[in-house]
């Protein structure tokens, strides 16, 4: 009986990458050069992830000696073994029901929900030429960037790789810089109204329990 190969499934790499990138695109809807830059970086992360998940397990290949010596009895070329955190911490029966996989799903779905909720508020605000202050924007100033980070962090918990571990802090730094540049432009356009909003609303981490920012007068 022939066993299904664990890797070399490049059609799945293309299919899964396309599904998640298109799904994120439907929520983020990039329009400006800055939007496309942030979305392109996120897409690169997704492609790198699925290349190792279904194409070639570079991380397992590079760490194979250490993994085999520390965790004997694990077939590191089996597909489920790519869930490294479950394997390392002993959840070997079915990693899809392991704590890290479940937690990763919470982060991933939460990130997509945040992207969706934030885009509608931002779209309406841009059409009316006013600040986005309601919904997710009442809790954090950059919910879309936060959504991308949540999704990437979720995938890191589910299927950590050396490439995505290197990419993650780089992309977080890039999003922080893009957010800072975006804030300077919005502050120049809306002036004191945006300064009041910025003083009352955290950039990325919400202060739970705070009342949503009130929508004051705007230019």
N, C-alpha and C. Protein backbone atom coordinates (compact mmCIF):
# COMPACT_ATOMS: atom_id res chain seq x y z
N UNK A 1 0.85 -1.18 0.00
CA UNK A 1 0.00 0.00 0.00
C UNK A 1 0.89 1.24 0.00
N UNK A 2 0.67 2.17 -0.92
CA UNK A 2 1.46 3.38 -1.02
C UNK A 2 0.98 4.40 0.01
N UNK A 3 1.94 5.00 0.71
CA UNK A 3 1.62 6.03 1.68
C UNK A 3 1.62 7.39 0.99
N UNK A 4 0.76 8.29 1.43
CA UNK A 4 0.73 9.63 0.89
C UNK A 4 1.99 10.36 1.32
N UNK A 5 2.71 10.99 0.39
CA UNK A 5 3.94 11.70 0.77
C UNK A 5 3.64 12.86 1.71
N UNK A 6 4.56 13.09 2.67
CA UNK A 6 4.35 14.16 3.63
C UNK A 6 4.71 15.52 3.05
N UNK A 7 5.67 15.55 2.13
CA UNK A 7 6.13 16.81 1.56
C UNK A 7 6.25 16.67 0.03
N UNK A 8 6.67 17.73 -0.60
CA UNK A 8 6.73 17.74 -2.06
C UNK A 8 5.37 17.97 -2.69
N UNK A 9 4.40 18.43 -1.87
CA UNK A 9 3.03 18.66 -2.36
C UNK A 9 2.89 20.12 -2.78
N UNK A 10 3.52 20.47 -3.88
CA UNK A 10 3.61 21.87 -4.29
C UNK A 10 2.26 22.43 -4.72
N UNK A 11 1.38 21.56 -5.18
CA UNK A 11 0.03 22.05 -5.51
C UNK A 11 -0.69 22.55 -4.26
N UNK A 12 -0.45 21.88 -3.11
CA UNK A 12 -1.05 22.35 -1.85
C UNK A 12 -0.40 23.64 -1.38
N UNK A 13 0.89 23.81 -1.67
CA UNK A 13 1.55 25.07 -1.34
C UNK A 13 0.86 26.22 -2.05
N UNK A 14 0.64 26.04 -3.36
CA UNK A 14 0.01 27.08 -4.16
C UNK A 14 -1.43 27.31 -3.71
N UNK A 15 -2.18 26.20 -3.52
CA UNK A 15 -3.59 26.31 -3.17
C UNK A 15 -3.79 26.99 -1.82
N UNK A 16 -3.07 26.53 -0.79
CA UNK A 16 -3.24 27.10 0.54
C UNK A 16 -2.75 28.54 0.62
N UNK A 17 -1.64 28.83 -0.05
CA UNK A 17 -1.15 30.21 -0.08
C UNK A 17 -2.19 31.12 -0.72
N UNK A 18 -2.74 30.67 -1.84
CA UNK A 18 -3.73 31.48 -2.55
C UNK A 18 -4.97 31.71 -1.70
N UNK A 19 -5.43 30.66 -1.02
CA UNK A 19 -6.65 30.78 -0.21
C UNK A 19 -6.46 31.83 0.89
N UNK A 20 -5.37 31.75 1.63
CA UNK A 20 -5.17 32.67 2.75
C UNK A 20 -4.85 34.08 2.27
N UNK A 21 -4.11 34.20 1.18
CA UNK A 21 -3.79 35.54 0.66
C UNK A 21 -5.04 36.21 0.12
N UNK A 22 -5.85 35.47 -0.65
CA UNK A 22 -7.09 36.04 -1.18
C UNK A 22 -8.06 36.37 -0.05
N UNK A 23 -8.11 35.48 0.96
CA UNK A 23 -8.98 35.72 2.11
C UNK A 23 -8.57 37.01 2.82
N UNK A 24 -7.27 37.18 3.04
CA UNK A 24 -6.79 38.40 3.69
C UNK A 24 -7.02 39.62 2.81
N UNK A 25 -6.86 39.45 1.50
CA UNK A 25 -7.08 40.56 0.57
C UNK A 25 -8.53 41.04 0.63
N UNK A 26 -9.46 40.08 0.77
CA UNK A 26 -10.88 40.45 0.81
C UNK A 26 -11.21 41.27 2.04
N UNK A 27 -10.40 41.15 3.11
CA UNK A 27 -10.61 41.93 4.31
C UNK A 27 -9.81 43.23 4.31
N UNK A 28 -8.54 43.14 3.88
CA UNK A 28 -7.66 44.31 3.97
C UNK A 28 -7.90 45.30 2.83
N UNK A 29 -8.19 44.77 1.62
CA UNK A 29 -8.46 45.62 0.45
C UNK A 29 -7.44 46.74 0.29
N UNK A 30 -6.17 46.40 0.03
CA UNK A 30 -5.13 47.43 -0.08
C UNK A 30 -5.40 48.36 -1.27
N UNK A 31 -5.16 49.64 -1.06
CA UNK A 31 -5.34 50.64 -2.12
C UNK A 31 -4.10 51.49 -2.30
N UNK A 32 -3.49 51.94 -1.22
CA UNK A 32 -2.32 52.80 -1.32
C UNK A 32 -1.05 51.97 -1.43
N UNK A 33 0.05 52.65 -1.75
CA UNK A 33 1.36 51.98 -1.82
C UNK A 33 1.71 51.38 -0.48
N UNK A 34 1.39 52.08 0.61
CA UNK A 34 1.67 51.58 1.95
C UNK A 34 0.85 50.33 2.23
N UNK A 35 -0.41 50.34 1.81
CA UNK A 35 -1.27 49.16 2.00
C UNK A 35 -0.69 47.95 1.28
N UNK A 36 -0.26 48.16 0.04
CA UNK A 36 0.28 47.05 -0.74
C UNK A 36 1.59 46.53 -0.15
N UNK A 37 2.37 47.44 0.43
CA UNK A 37 3.64 47.02 1.04
C UNK A 37 3.38 46.12 2.24
N UNK A 38 2.45 46.52 3.09
CA UNK A 38 2.14 45.71 4.27
C UNK A 38 1.50 44.39 3.87
N UNK A 39 0.61 44.43 2.87
CA UNK A 39 -0.05 43.21 2.43
C UNK A 39 0.95 42.28 1.72
N UNK A 40 1.88 42.85 0.96
CA UNK A 40 2.90 42.04 0.28
C UNK A 40 3.81 41.32 1.28
N UNK A 41 4.17 42.02 2.37
CA UNK A 41 5.01 41.39 3.39
C UNK A 41 4.26 40.24 4.06
N UNK A 42 2.99 40.46 4.35
CA UNK A 42 2.17 39.39 4.93
C UNK A 42 2.07 38.20 3.97
N UNK A 43 1.89 38.47 2.69
CA UNK A 43 1.79 37.40 1.69
C UNK A 43 3.08 36.60 1.61
N UNK A 44 4.23 37.28 1.71
CA UNK A 44 5.52 36.58 1.69
C UNK A 44 5.64 35.64 2.88
N UNK A 45 5.17 36.08 4.03
CA UNK A 45 5.19 35.24 5.22
C UNK A 45 4.34 33.99 5.00
N UNK A 46 3.16 34.16 4.44
CA UNK A 46 2.25 33.03 4.20
C UNK A 46 2.86 32.03 3.22
N UNK A 47 3.46 32.53 2.15
CA UNK A 47 4.09 31.62 1.18
C UNK A 47 5.23 30.85 1.82
N UNK A 48 6.09 31.55 2.60
CA UNK A 48 7.20 30.88 3.26
C UNK A 48 6.70 29.79 4.21
N UNK A 49 5.59 30.07 4.89
CA UNK A 49 5.01 29.10 5.81
C UNK A 49 4.57 27.83 5.08
N UNK A 50 3.79 27.99 4.01
CA UNK A 50 3.24 26.81 3.35
C UNK A 50 4.27 26.06 2.51
N UNK A 51 5.34 26.74 2.11
CA UNK A 51 6.43 26.03 1.44
C UNK A 51 7.01 24.98 2.38
N UNK A 52 7.18 25.36 3.65
CA UNK A 52 7.73 24.39 4.61
C UNK A 52 6.66 23.41 5.10
N UNK A 53 5.42 23.82 5.10
CA UNK A 53 4.36 22.94 5.59
C UNK A 53 4.07 21.81 4.60
N UNK A 54 4.13 22.11 3.31
CA UNK A 54 3.77 21.10 2.31
C UNK A 54 4.84 20.85 1.25
N UNK A 55 5.77 21.77 1.10
CA UNK A 55 6.77 21.62 0.05
C UNK A 55 8.04 20.95 0.52
N UNK A 56 8.91 21.71 1.19
CA UNK A 56 10.18 21.15 1.67
C UNK A 56 10.39 21.58 3.12
N UNK A 57 10.56 20.64 4.06
CA UNK A 57 10.67 20.97 5.50
C UNK A 57 12.08 21.43 5.86
N UNK A 58 12.45 22.63 5.44
CA UNK A 58 13.80 23.13 5.65
C UNK A 58 14.18 23.15 7.13
N UNK A 59 13.26 23.61 7.97
CA UNK A 59 13.57 23.70 9.40
C UNK A 59 13.85 22.33 10.00
N UNK A 60 13.01 21.35 9.70
CA UNK A 60 13.22 20.00 10.22
C UNK A 60 14.51 19.41 9.65
N UNK A 61 14.81 19.69 8.39
CA UNK A 61 16.04 19.20 7.78
C UNK A 61 17.27 19.76 8.50
N UNK A 62 17.27 21.06 8.77
CA UNK A 62 18.42 21.69 9.41
C UNK A 62 18.56 21.28 10.88
N UNK A 63 17.43 21.01 11.54
CA UNK A 63 17.47 20.64 12.96
C UNK A 63 17.33 19.15 13.19
N UNK A 64 17.40 18.36 12.13
CA UNK A 64 17.10 16.93 12.24
C UNK A 64 18.02 16.21 13.24
N UNK A 65 19.31 16.53 13.25
CA UNK A 65 20.23 15.88 14.18
C UNK A 65 19.87 16.17 15.62
N UNK A 66 19.63 17.44 15.93
CA UNK A 66 19.28 17.83 17.30
C UNK A 66 17.94 17.24 17.70
N UNK A 67 16.95 17.28 16.80
CA UNK A 67 15.63 16.76 17.11
C UNK A 67 15.67 15.25 17.36
N UNK A 68 16.41 14.52 16.53
CA UNK A 68 16.47 13.06 16.67
C UNK A 68 17.15 12.66 17.97
N UNK A 69 18.18 13.43 18.38
CA UNK A 69 18.89 13.09 19.61
C UNK A 69 18.09 13.44 20.86
N UNK A 70 17.35 14.53 20.80
CA UNK A 70 16.59 14.97 21.97
C UNK A 70 15.23 14.28 22.08
N UNK A 71 14.65 13.91 20.95
CA UNK A 71 13.30 13.34 20.95
C UNK A 71 13.30 12.05 20.10
N UNK A 72 13.93 11.00 20.60
CA UNK A 72 13.96 9.74 19.85
C UNK A 72 12.57 9.13 19.76
N UNK A 73 12.36 8.38 18.71
CA UNK A 73 11.08 7.71 18.53
C UNK A 73 10.08 8.52 17.73
N UNK A 74 10.39 9.78 17.42
CA UNK A 74 9.50 10.61 16.62
C UNK A 74 9.95 10.54 15.16
N UNK A 75 9.01 10.26 14.28
CA UNK A 75 9.30 10.27 12.84
C UNK A 75 9.22 11.71 12.36
N UNK A 76 10.38 12.38 12.29
CA UNK A 76 10.39 13.80 11.99
C UNK A 76 10.09 14.11 10.54
N UNK A 77 10.00 13.10 9.70
CA UNK A 77 9.62 13.32 8.31
C UNK A 77 8.12 13.13 8.09
N UNK A 78 7.40 12.71 9.13
CA UNK A 78 5.94 12.63 9.04
C UNK A 78 5.37 14.04 9.07
N UNK A 79 4.25 14.25 8.38
CA UNK A 79 3.71 15.60 8.26
C UNK A 79 3.32 16.18 9.63
N UNK A 80 2.71 15.38 10.50
CA UNK A 80 2.27 15.88 11.80
C UNK A 80 3.43 16.36 12.65
N UNK A 81 4.63 15.85 12.39
CA UNK A 81 5.78 16.25 13.18
C UNK A 81 6.19 17.69 12.92
N UNK A 82 5.66 18.28 11.85
CA UNK A 82 5.93 19.69 11.60
C UNK A 82 5.32 20.60 12.64
N UNK A 83 4.36 20.08 13.42
CA UNK A 83 3.83 20.83 14.56
C UNK A 83 4.85 20.71 15.70
N UNK A 84 5.93 21.44 15.57
CA UNK A 84 7.08 21.23 16.44
C UNK A 84 6.77 21.44 17.91
N UNK A 85 5.98 22.43 18.24
CA UNK A 85 5.71 22.69 19.66
C UNK A 85 4.95 21.54 20.30
N UNK A 86 3.98 20.99 19.58
CA UNK A 86 3.25 19.83 20.11
C UNK A 86 4.19 18.64 20.29
N UNK A 87 5.07 18.41 19.32
CA UNK A 87 5.99 17.28 19.40
C UNK A 87 6.98 17.46 20.55
N UNK A 88 7.54 18.67 20.66
CA UNK A 88 8.56 18.92 21.67
C UNK A 88 7.98 18.83 23.09
N UNK A 89 6.74 19.30 23.25
CA UNK A 89 6.14 19.29 24.58
C UNK A 89 5.31 18.03 24.85
N UNK A 90 5.39 17.06 23.93
CA UNK A 90 4.84 15.74 24.22
C UNK A 90 3.42 15.47 23.78
N UNK A 91 2.80 16.39 23.01
CA UNK A 91 1.44 16.16 22.53
C UNK A 91 1.53 15.45 21.18
N UNK A 92 1.76 14.15 21.19
CA UNK A 92 2.12 13.43 19.97
C UNK A 92 0.97 12.62 19.38
N UNK A 93 -0.15 12.51 20.07
CA UNK A 93 -1.22 11.67 19.57
C UNK A 93 -1.89 12.27 18.34
N UNK A 94 -2.38 13.48 18.46
CA UNK A 94 -2.95 14.21 17.33
C UNK A 94 -2.69 15.69 17.55
N UNK A 95 -1.66 16.23 16.90
CA UNK A 95 -1.26 17.62 17.16
C UNK A 95 -2.34 18.64 16.82
N UNK A 96 -3.31 18.26 15.97
CA UNK A 96 -4.37 19.20 15.61
C UNK A 96 -5.28 19.52 16.79
N UNK A 97 -5.25 18.67 17.81
CA UNK A 97 -6.03 18.92 19.02
C UNK A 97 -5.13 19.33 20.19
N UNK A 98 -3.89 19.64 19.88
CA UNK A 98 -2.95 20.06 20.92
C UNK A 98 -3.20 21.50 21.33
N UNK A 99 -2.69 21.89 22.50
CA UNK A 99 -2.94 23.24 23.02
C UNK A 99 -2.39 24.35 22.13
N UNK A 100 -1.23 24.13 21.55
CA UNK A 100 -0.65 25.17 20.70
C UNK A 100 -1.45 25.35 19.42
N UNK A 101 -1.92 24.25 18.85
CA UNK A 101 -2.72 24.33 17.63
C UNK A 101 -4.05 25.03 17.90
N UNK A 102 -4.68 24.71 19.01
CA UNK A 102 -5.95 25.35 19.36
C UNK A 102 -5.74 26.84 19.61
N UNK A 103 -4.68 27.18 20.34
CA UNK A 103 -4.39 28.59 20.61
C UNK A 103 -4.07 29.33 19.31
N UNK A 104 -3.37 28.66 18.41
CA UNK A 104 -3.04 29.29 17.13
C UNK A 104 -4.30 29.62 16.34
N UNK A 105 -5.30 28.73 16.40
CA UNK A 105 -6.55 28.98 15.69
C UNK A 105 -7.26 30.21 16.25
N UNK A 106 -7.18 30.39 17.57
CA UNK A 106 -7.79 31.57 18.19
C UNK A 106 -7.14 32.84 17.65
N UNK A 107 -5.81 32.86 17.61
CA UNK A 107 -5.10 34.03 17.10
C UNK A 107 -5.40 34.28 15.63
N UNK A 108 -5.42 33.22 14.81
CA UNK A 108 -5.64 33.37 13.38
C UNK A 108 -7.04 33.89 13.09
N UNK A 109 -8.05 33.26 13.68
CA UNK A 109 -9.42 33.71 13.44
C UNK A 109 -9.65 35.10 14.04
N UNK A 110 -9.04 35.35 15.19
CA UNK A 110 -9.14 36.68 15.78
C UNK A 110 -8.52 37.74 14.90
N UNK A 111 -7.38 37.42 14.26
CA UNK A 111 -6.74 38.37 13.37
C UNK A 111 -7.58 38.67 12.14
N UNK A 112 -8.18 37.63 11.56
CA UNK A 112 -9.04 37.85 10.40
C UNK A 112 -10.30 38.64 10.78
N UNK A 113 -10.85 38.35 11.95
CA UNK A 113 -12.01 39.11 12.41
C UNK A 113 -11.65 40.59 12.58
N UNK A 114 -10.47 40.85 13.15
CA UNK A 114 -10.05 42.23 13.36
C UNK A 114 -9.84 42.95 12.03
N UNK A 115 -9.25 42.27 11.05
CA UNK A 115 -9.09 42.86 9.71
C UNK A 115 -10.44 43.24 9.13
N UNK A 116 -11.39 42.32 9.23
CA UNK A 116 -12.71 42.56 8.65
C UNK A 116 -13.41 43.72 9.34
N UNK A 117 -13.41 43.71 10.68
CA UNK A 117 -14.10 44.76 11.43
C UNK A 117 -13.47 46.12 11.21
N UNK A 118 -12.14 46.15 11.14
CA UNK A 118 -11.44 47.43 10.99
C UNK A 118 -11.64 48.01 9.60
N UNK A 119 -11.66 47.16 8.57
CA UNK A 119 -11.74 47.69 7.22
C UNK A 119 -13.05 48.43 6.99
N UNK A 120 -14.15 47.91 7.48
CA UNK A 120 -15.45 48.56 7.25
C UNK A 120 -15.48 49.95 7.88
N UNK A 121 -14.95 50.06 9.11
CA UNK A 121 -14.93 51.36 9.78
C UNK A 121 -14.03 52.33 9.02
N UNK A 122 -12.86 51.85 8.59
CA UNK A 122 -11.94 52.72 7.87
C UNK A 122 -12.51 53.15 6.52
N UNK A 123 -13.16 52.22 5.83
CA UNK A 123 -13.74 52.53 4.52
C UNK A 123 -14.80 53.62 4.65
N UNK A 124 -15.68 53.46 5.63
CA UNK A 124 -16.73 54.47 5.83
C UNK A 124 -16.13 55.83 6.19
N UNK A 125 -15.09 55.82 7.03
CA UNK A 125 -14.46 57.07 7.44
C UNK A 125 -13.77 57.76 6.26
N UNK A 126 -13.11 56.98 5.43
CA UNK A 126 -12.43 57.57 4.28
C UNK A 126 -13.42 58.17 3.29
N UNK A 127 -14.54 57.51 3.10
CA UNK A 127 -15.56 58.05 2.19
C UNK A 127 -16.13 59.37 2.72
N UNK A 128 -16.25 59.49 4.04
CA UNK A 128 -16.79 60.71 4.63
C UNK A 128 -15.70 61.73 4.95
N UNK A 129 -14.46 61.39 4.65
CA UNK A 129 -13.31 62.24 4.93
C UNK A 129 -13.28 62.65 6.40
N UNK A 130 -13.27 61.65 7.26
CA UNK A 130 -13.19 61.88 8.69
C UNK A 130 -12.32 60.80 9.31
N UNK A 131 -11.99 60.98 10.59
CA UNK A 131 -11.19 59.99 11.29
C UNK A 131 -12.01 58.73 11.58
N UNK A 132 -11.35 57.59 11.57
CA UNK A 132 -11.97 56.33 11.98
C UNK A 132 -11.81 56.22 13.49
N UNK A 133 -12.91 56.35 14.22
CA UNK A 133 -12.86 56.37 15.68
C UNK A 133 -13.71 55.31 16.34
N UNK A 134 -14.54 54.62 15.60
CA UNK A 134 -15.48 53.67 16.19
C UNK A 134 -15.01 52.23 15.99
N UNK A 135 -15.76 51.29 16.54
CA UNK A 135 -15.43 49.88 16.36
C UNK A 135 -14.05 49.56 16.91
N UNK A 136 -13.28 48.81 16.13
CA UNK A 136 -11.93 48.43 16.56
C UNK A 136 -11.04 49.64 16.76
N UNK A 137 -11.30 50.71 16.00
CA UNK A 137 -10.48 51.93 16.12
C UNK A 137 -10.73 52.67 17.43
N UNK A 138 -11.78 52.34 18.14
CA UNK A 138 -12.00 52.92 19.46
C UNK A 138 -11.10 52.28 20.51
N UNK A 139 -10.53 51.11 20.18
CA UNK A 139 -9.68 50.38 21.12
C UNK A 139 -8.20 50.52 20.81
N UNK A 140 -7.86 50.46 19.51
CA UNK A 140 -6.47 50.60 19.08
C UNK A 140 -6.42 51.46 17.83
N UNK A 141 -5.30 52.14 17.63
CA UNK A 141 -5.19 53.04 16.48
C UNK A 141 -4.87 52.31 15.19
N UNK A 142 -4.31 51.11 15.28
CA UNK A 142 -3.89 50.39 14.07
C UNK A 142 -4.39 48.94 14.09
N UNK A 143 -5.71 48.75 14.06
CA UNK A 143 -6.24 47.38 14.16
C UNK A 143 -5.88 46.50 12.97
N UNK A 144 -5.72 47.08 11.78
CA UNK A 144 -5.38 46.23 10.63
C UNK A 144 -3.97 45.67 10.75
N UNK A 145 -3.02 46.51 11.14
CA UNK A 145 -1.67 45.99 11.36
C UNK A 145 -1.66 44.97 12.49
N UNK A 146 -2.42 45.26 13.55
CA UNK A 146 -2.52 44.30 14.66
C UNK A 146 -3.12 42.98 14.19
N UNK A 147 -4.09 43.05 13.27
CA UNK A 147 -4.69 41.83 12.73
C UNK A 147 -3.68 40.98 11.98
N UNK A 148 -2.85 41.61 11.14
CA UNK A 148 -1.82 40.87 10.42
C UNK A 148 -0.85 40.20 11.40
N UNK A 149 -0.46 40.91 12.44
CA UNK A 149 0.48 40.36 13.42
C UNK A 149 -0.15 39.18 14.16
N UNK A 150 -1.42 39.29 14.53
CA UNK A 150 -2.10 38.18 15.21
C UNK A 150 -2.12 36.93 14.34
N UNK A 151 -2.41 37.09 13.05
CA UNK A 151 -2.47 35.95 12.14
C UNK A 151 -1.10 35.29 12.02
N UNK A 152 -0.07 36.10 11.84
CA UNK A 152 1.28 35.55 11.70
C UNK A 152 1.73 34.86 12.98
N UNK A 153 1.42 35.46 14.13
CA UNK A 153 1.79 34.83 15.39
C UNK A 153 1.05 33.51 15.57
N UNK A 154 -0.21 33.47 15.16
CA UNK A 154 -0.96 32.22 15.23
C UNK A 154 -0.33 31.12 14.41
N UNK A 155 0.10 31.47 13.20
CA UNK A 155 0.75 30.46 12.37
C UNK A 155 2.09 30.03 12.94
N UNK A 156 2.79 30.94 13.61
CA UNK A 156 4.05 30.56 14.26
C UNK A 156 3.82 29.52 15.35
N UNK A 157 2.74 29.69 16.11
CA UNK A 157 2.42 28.69 17.12
C UNK A 157 2.06 27.35 16.50
N UNK A 158 1.37 27.40 15.39
CA UNK A 158 0.90 26.16 14.75
C UNK A 158 2.01 25.42 14.03
N UNK A 159 2.85 26.16 13.30
CA UNK A 159 3.87 25.52 12.46
C UNK A 159 5.12 26.39 12.44
N UNK A 160 5.90 26.41 13.52
CA UNK A 160 7.08 27.28 13.56
C UNK A 160 8.16 26.83 12.59
N UNK A 161 8.75 27.76 11.89
CA UNK A 161 9.88 27.48 10.99
C UNK A 161 10.96 28.52 11.22
N UNK A 162 12.18 28.19 10.86
CA UNK A 162 13.28 29.14 11.03
C UNK A 162 13.07 30.39 10.19
N UNK A 163 12.57 30.20 8.97
CA UNK A 163 12.37 31.34 8.07
C UNK A 163 11.31 32.29 8.62
N UNK A 164 10.17 31.75 9.03
CA UNK A 164 9.11 32.63 9.53
C UNK A 164 9.46 33.22 10.90
N UNK A 165 10.26 32.51 11.70
CA UNK A 165 10.71 33.07 12.97
C UNK A 165 11.61 34.27 12.74
N UNK A 166 12.40 34.24 11.67
CA UNK A 166 13.24 35.39 11.32
C UNK A 166 12.39 36.50 10.72
N UNK A 167 11.43 36.13 9.88
CA UNK A 167 10.59 37.14 9.23
C UNK A 167 9.68 37.87 10.21
N UNK A 168 9.19 37.17 11.23
CA UNK A 168 8.17 37.75 12.10
C UNK A 168 8.61 39.06 12.77
N UNK A 169 9.76 39.10 13.48
CA UNK A 169 10.14 40.38 14.09
C UNK A 169 10.45 41.46 13.07
N UNK A 170 10.96 41.06 11.91
CA UNK A 170 11.24 42.04 10.85
C UNK A 170 9.93 42.67 10.38
N UNK A 171 8.91 41.85 10.18
CA UNK A 171 7.62 42.36 9.72
C UNK A 171 6.93 43.20 10.79
N UNK A 172 7.04 42.79 12.05
CA UNK A 172 6.47 43.60 13.13
C UNK A 172 7.12 44.97 13.16
N UNK A 173 8.44 45.02 13.01
CA UNK A 173 9.16 46.30 12.97
C UNK A 173 8.70 47.13 11.77
N UNK A 174 8.52 46.46 10.62
CA UNK A 174 8.08 47.17 9.43
C UNK A 174 6.69 47.76 9.63
N UNK A 175 5.78 46.99 10.24
CA UNK A 175 4.43 47.49 10.49
C UNK A 175 4.46 48.67 11.47
N UNK A 176 5.34 48.60 12.47
CA UNK A 176 5.45 49.71 13.42
C UNK A 176 5.92 50.98 12.71
N UNK A 177 6.87 50.84 11.79
CA UNK A 177 7.35 52.01 11.06
C UNK A 177 6.27 52.56 10.11
N UNK A 178 5.56 51.65 9.44
CA UNK A 178 4.48 52.10 8.58
C UNK A 178 3.40 52.81 9.38
N UNK A 179 3.11 52.28 10.57
CA UNK A 179 2.10 52.91 11.42
C UNK A 179 2.54 54.31 11.84
N UNK A 180 3.83 54.47 12.17
CA UNK A 180 4.33 55.78 12.55
C UNK A 180 4.25 56.77 11.41
N UNK A 181 4.60 56.33 10.20
CA UNK A 181 4.52 57.21 9.04
C UNK A 181 3.07 57.59 8.74
N UNK A 182 2.18 56.62 8.88
CA UNK A 182 0.77 56.87 8.65
C UNK A 182 0.22 57.88 9.66
N UNK A 183 0.64 57.77 10.92
CA UNK A 183 0.17 58.69 11.94
C UNK A 183 0.62 60.13 11.66
N UNK A 184 1.85 60.30 11.18
CA UNK A 184 2.32 61.65 10.88
C UNK A 184 1.49 62.29 9.77
N UNK A 185 1.12 61.49 8.78
CA UNK A 185 0.31 62.01 7.69
C UNK A 185 -1.10 62.36 8.15
N UNK A 186 -1.69 61.49 8.98
CA UNK A 186 -3.05 61.75 9.46
C UNK A 186 -3.05 62.95 10.41
N UNK A 187 -2.01 63.07 11.24
CA UNK A 187 -1.92 64.20 12.16
C UNK A 187 -1.81 65.50 11.39
N UNK A 188 -1.07 65.48 10.28
CA UNK A 188 -0.94 66.69 9.48
C UNK A 188 -2.28 67.08 8.84
N UNK A 189 -3.12 66.10 8.56
CA UNK A 189 -4.40 66.37 7.91
C UNK A 189 -5.48 66.77 8.91
N UNK A 190 -5.54 66.08 10.07
CA UNK A 190 -6.64 66.30 11.00
C UNK A 190 -6.25 67.10 12.25
N UNK A 191 -4.96 67.32 12.43
CA UNK A 191 -4.49 68.20 13.49
C UNK A 191 -4.90 67.80 14.88
N UNK A 192 -5.52 68.74 15.61
CA UNK A 192 -5.83 68.56 17.02
C UNK A 192 -6.79 67.40 17.25
N UNK A 193 -7.71 67.17 16.33
CA UNK A 193 -8.66 66.07 16.49
C UNK A 193 -7.93 64.74 16.57
N UNK A 194 -6.92 64.56 15.72
CA UNK A 194 -6.16 63.31 15.76
C UNK A 194 -5.28 63.24 16.99
N UNK A 195 -4.72 64.36 17.43
CA UNK A 195 -3.88 64.36 18.63
C UNK A 195 -4.69 63.93 19.85
N UNK A 196 -5.95 64.37 19.95
CA UNK A 196 -6.80 63.94 21.05
C UNK A 196 -7.06 62.43 20.98
N UNK A 197 -7.31 61.97 19.78
CA UNK A 197 -7.56 60.52 19.60
C UNK A 197 -6.30 59.72 19.95
N UNK A 198 -5.15 60.19 19.50
CA UNK A 198 -3.89 59.47 19.77
C UNK A 198 -3.58 59.45 21.26
N UNK A 199 -3.89 60.52 21.95
CA UNK A 199 -3.62 60.57 23.39
C UNK A 199 -4.52 59.62 24.18
N UNK A 200 -5.70 59.36 23.65
CA UNK A 200 -6.67 58.54 24.38
C UNK A 200 -6.66 57.07 23.98
N UNK A 201 -6.04 56.73 22.84
CA UNK A 201 -6.16 55.39 22.28
C UNK A 201 -4.80 54.76 22.07
N UNK A 202 -4.54 53.54 22.61
CA UNK A 202 -3.25 52.88 22.40
C UNK A 202 -3.04 52.53 20.93
N UNK A 203 -1.79 52.34 20.56
CA UNK A 203 -1.47 52.05 19.16
C UNK A 203 -1.86 50.63 18.77
N UNK A 204 -1.46 49.64 19.59
CA UNK A 204 -1.67 48.24 19.21
C UNK A 204 -2.30 47.39 20.31
N UNK A 205 -2.05 47.71 21.56
CA UNK A 205 -2.53 46.88 22.66
C UNK A 205 -3.63 47.62 23.41
N UNK A 206 -4.87 47.15 23.32
CA UNK A 206 -5.99 47.88 23.94
C UNK A 206 -5.92 47.85 25.46
N UNK A 207 -6.36 48.95 26.06
CA UNK A 207 -6.54 48.98 27.51
C UNK A 207 -7.95 48.49 27.79
N UNK A 208 -8.06 47.26 28.24
CA UNK A 208 -9.36 46.64 28.42
C UNK A 208 -10.14 47.39 29.50
N UNK A 209 -11.41 47.61 29.22
CA UNK A 209 -12.27 48.27 30.18
C UNK A 209 -12.44 49.75 29.93
N UNK A 210 -11.55 50.33 29.11
CA UNK A 210 -11.71 51.74 28.79
C UNK A 210 -12.95 51.98 27.94
N UNK A 211 -13.56 53.09 28.11
CA UNK A 211 -14.69 53.45 27.25
C UNK A 211 -14.18 53.76 25.86
N UNK A 212 -14.93 53.42 24.79
CA UNK A 212 -14.51 53.74 23.44
C UNK A 212 -14.32 55.22 23.26
N UNK A 213 -13.37 55.57 22.37
CA UNK A 213 -13.09 56.98 22.11
C UNK A 213 -14.30 57.66 21.52
N UNK A 214 -14.63 58.80 22.04
CA UNK A 214 -15.77 59.55 21.52
C UNK A 214 -15.37 60.27 20.24
N UNK A 215 -16.31 60.38 19.34
CA UNK A 215 -16.04 61.03 18.06
C UNK A 215 -16.33 62.52 18.20
N UNK A 216 -15.24 63.28 18.30
CA UNK A 216 -15.36 64.71 18.48
C UNK A 216 -15.43 65.44 17.16
N UNK A 217 -15.42 66.77 17.19
CA UNK A 217 -15.48 67.55 15.97
C UNK A 217 -14.23 67.37 15.14
N UNK A 218 -14.39 67.33 13.85
CA UNK A 218 -13.29 67.12 12.92
C UNK A 218 -13.36 68.11 11.79
N UNK A 219 -12.21 68.33 11.13
CA UNK A 219 -12.23 69.25 10.00
C UNK A 219 -13.12 68.75 8.89
